[in-house]
Amino acid sequence: MVSKLIIENIRDLYEVKAVVLTQHFLDKIEIRNIKLADIKVAIMNGEIIEQYPDDYPHPSCLVLGFSDSKPIHIVIGNSGDMLWLITAYIPNIDKWEDDNKTRKVVS
């Protein structure tokens, strides 16, 4: 089982289409007007900004990538041989610092 996820492994699995698009993911990207092409570009140029090794049923991570200069966060689970795309969204400026990597501290 995978614990700490590595962006190169995520890219490799994405390239060979070892990907499960959850219904939640598909619903959310449609509502948020994010295209699958944007997701691919963001994964291929992105970086892991948070790790969730204890997520169930698979360890997951938060990837920050850009498509057309637009930041996109993608939550991705990894079962070792498959990626599970869980959700994707445009980072909210009320919740994220300008770098789109750092969560704002809520007082």
Protein backbone atom coordinates (compact mmCIF):
# COMPACT_ATOMS: atom_id res chain seq x y z
CA MET A 1 0.00 0.00 0.00
CA VAL A 2 1.17 3.53 -0.79
CA SER A 3 1.54 5.97 2.10
CA LYS A 4 3.37 9.11 0.97
CA LEU A 5 2.31 9.96 -2.55
CA ILE A 6 4.79 11.17 -5.18
CA ILE A 7 3.73 13.46 -8.04
CA GLU A 8 5.78 11.53 -10.63
CA ASN A 9 3.91 8.32 -9.76
CA ILE A 10 0.59 10.16 -10.06
CA ARG A 11 1.59 11.48 -13.48
CA ASP A 12 2.69 8.03 -14.64
CA LEU A 13 -0.62 6.44 -13.60
CA TYR A 14 -2.58 9.28 -15.20
CA GLU A 15 -0.66 8.86 -18.47
CA VAL A 16 -1.53 5.15 -18.69
CA LYS A 17 -5.15 5.97 -17.83
CA ALA A 18 -5.10 4.03 -14.56
CA VAL A 19 -7.71 6.48 -13.26
CA VAL A 20 -11.12 6.18 -11.65
CA LEU A 21 -13.31 9.26 -12.05
CA THR A 22 -15.68 9.16 -9.11
CA GLN A 23 -19.22 10.39 -9.64
CA HIS A 24 -18.58 13.02 -6.96
CA PHE A 25 -15.59 14.24 -8.97
CA LEU A 26 -17.54 14.40 -12.23
CA ASP A 27 -20.42 16.24 -10.55
CA LYS A 28 -18.13 18.78 -8.90
CA ILE A 29 -16.06 19.62 -11.97
CA GLU A 30 -19.23 20.10 -14.01
CA ILE A 31 -20.70 22.47 -11.42
CA ARG A 32 -17.37 24.33 -11.16
CA ASN A 33 -16.88 24.51 -14.92
CA ILE A 34 -13.55 22.67 -14.83
CA LYS A 35 -12.78 20.55 -17.88
CA LEU A 36 -11.03 17.17 -17.86
CA ALA A 37 -8.38 18.73 -20.10
CA ASP A 38 -7.72 21.30 -17.32
CA ILE A 39 -7.32 18.45 -14.82
CA LYS A 40 -4.73 16.71 -17.00
CA VAL A 41 -2.72 19.90 -17.53
CA ALA A 42 -2.85 20.69 -13.80
CA ILE A 43 -1.68 17.20 -12.82
CA MET A 44 1.15 17.23 -15.36
CA ASN A 45 2.50 20.61 -14.18
CA GLY A 46 1.36 20.43 -10.57
CA GLU A 47 2.81 19.66 -7.19
CA ILE A 48 1.56 17.92 -4.09
CA ILE A 49 0.83 20.53 -1.41
CA GLU A 50 -0.82 18.34 1.24
CA GLN A 51 -0.61 14.63 2.05
CA TYR A 52 -3.44 12.63 3.65
CA PRO A 53 -1.78 9.24 4.33
CA ASP A 54 -4.57 8.04 6.63
CA ASP A 55 -7.46 8.71 4.23
CA TYR A 56 -9.83 5.81 3.69
CA PRO A 57 -9.99 3.75 1.56
CA HIS A 58 -6.73 5.00 -0.01
CA PRO A 59 -4.03 7.50 0.96
CA SER A 60 -4.65 10.75 -0.87
CA CYS A 61 -3.15 14.13 -1.50
CA LEU A 62 -3.99 17.64 -2.63
CA VAL A 63 -2.35 18.68 -5.90
CA LEU A 64 -2.02 22.30 -6.98
CA GLY A 65 -1.64 22.76 -10.71
CA PHE A 66 -2.41 25.41 -13.28
CA SER A 67 -4.34 25.37 -16.54
CA ASP A 68 -4.50 28.56 -18.61
CA SER A 69 -2.88 30.34 -15.63
CA LYS A 70 -5.88 29.30 -13.50
CA PRO A 71 -5.00 27.51 -10.23
CA ILE A 72 -6.76 24.20 -9.64
CA HIS A 73 -6.75 22.01 -6.55
CA ILE A 74 -7.29 18.30 -7.16
CA VAL A 75 -7.77 15.69 -4.43
CA ILE A 76 -6.35 12.38 -5.63
CA GLY A 77 -6.40 8.99 -3.91
CA ASN A 78 -3.88 6.30 -4.83
CA SER A 79 -4.45 2.58 -4.27
CA GLY A 80 -0.95 1.80 -5.56
CA ASP A 81 -1.93 0.87 -9.10
CA MET A 82 -4.92 3.18 -9.63
CA LEU A 83 -5.68 6.86 -9.09
CA TRP A 84 -9.03 7.94 -7.70
CA LEU A 85 -9.95 11.50 -8.64
CA ILE A 86 -12.08 12.64 -5.71
CA THR A 87 -12.73 16.34 -6.27
CA ALA A 88 -11.33 19.44 -7.92
CA TYR A 89 -11.92 23.13 -7.36
CA ILE A 90 -10.53 26.59 -7.87
CA PRO A 91 -8.90 27.68 -4.58
CA ASN A 92 -11.01 30.23 -2.72
CA ILE A 93 -9.10 33.42 -1.84
CA ASP A 94 -10.92 33.50 1.50
CA LYS A 95 -9.42 30.12 2.45
CA TRP A 96 -6.03 30.10 0.68
CA GLU A 97 -3.08 32.48 0.69
CA ASP A 98 -1.98 34.08 -2.59
CA ASP A 99 0.40 31.18 -3.28
CA ASN A 100 -2.64 28.82 -3.41
CA LYS A 101 -0.55 26.39 -1.31
CA THR A 102 -1.06 27.71 2.20
CA ARG A 103 -4.35 27.59 4.05
CA LYS A 104 -5.29 30.86 5.73
CA VAL A 105 -5.47 30.73 9.49
CA VAL A 106 -9.05 31.20 10.63
CA SER A 107 -9.32 33.35 13.75
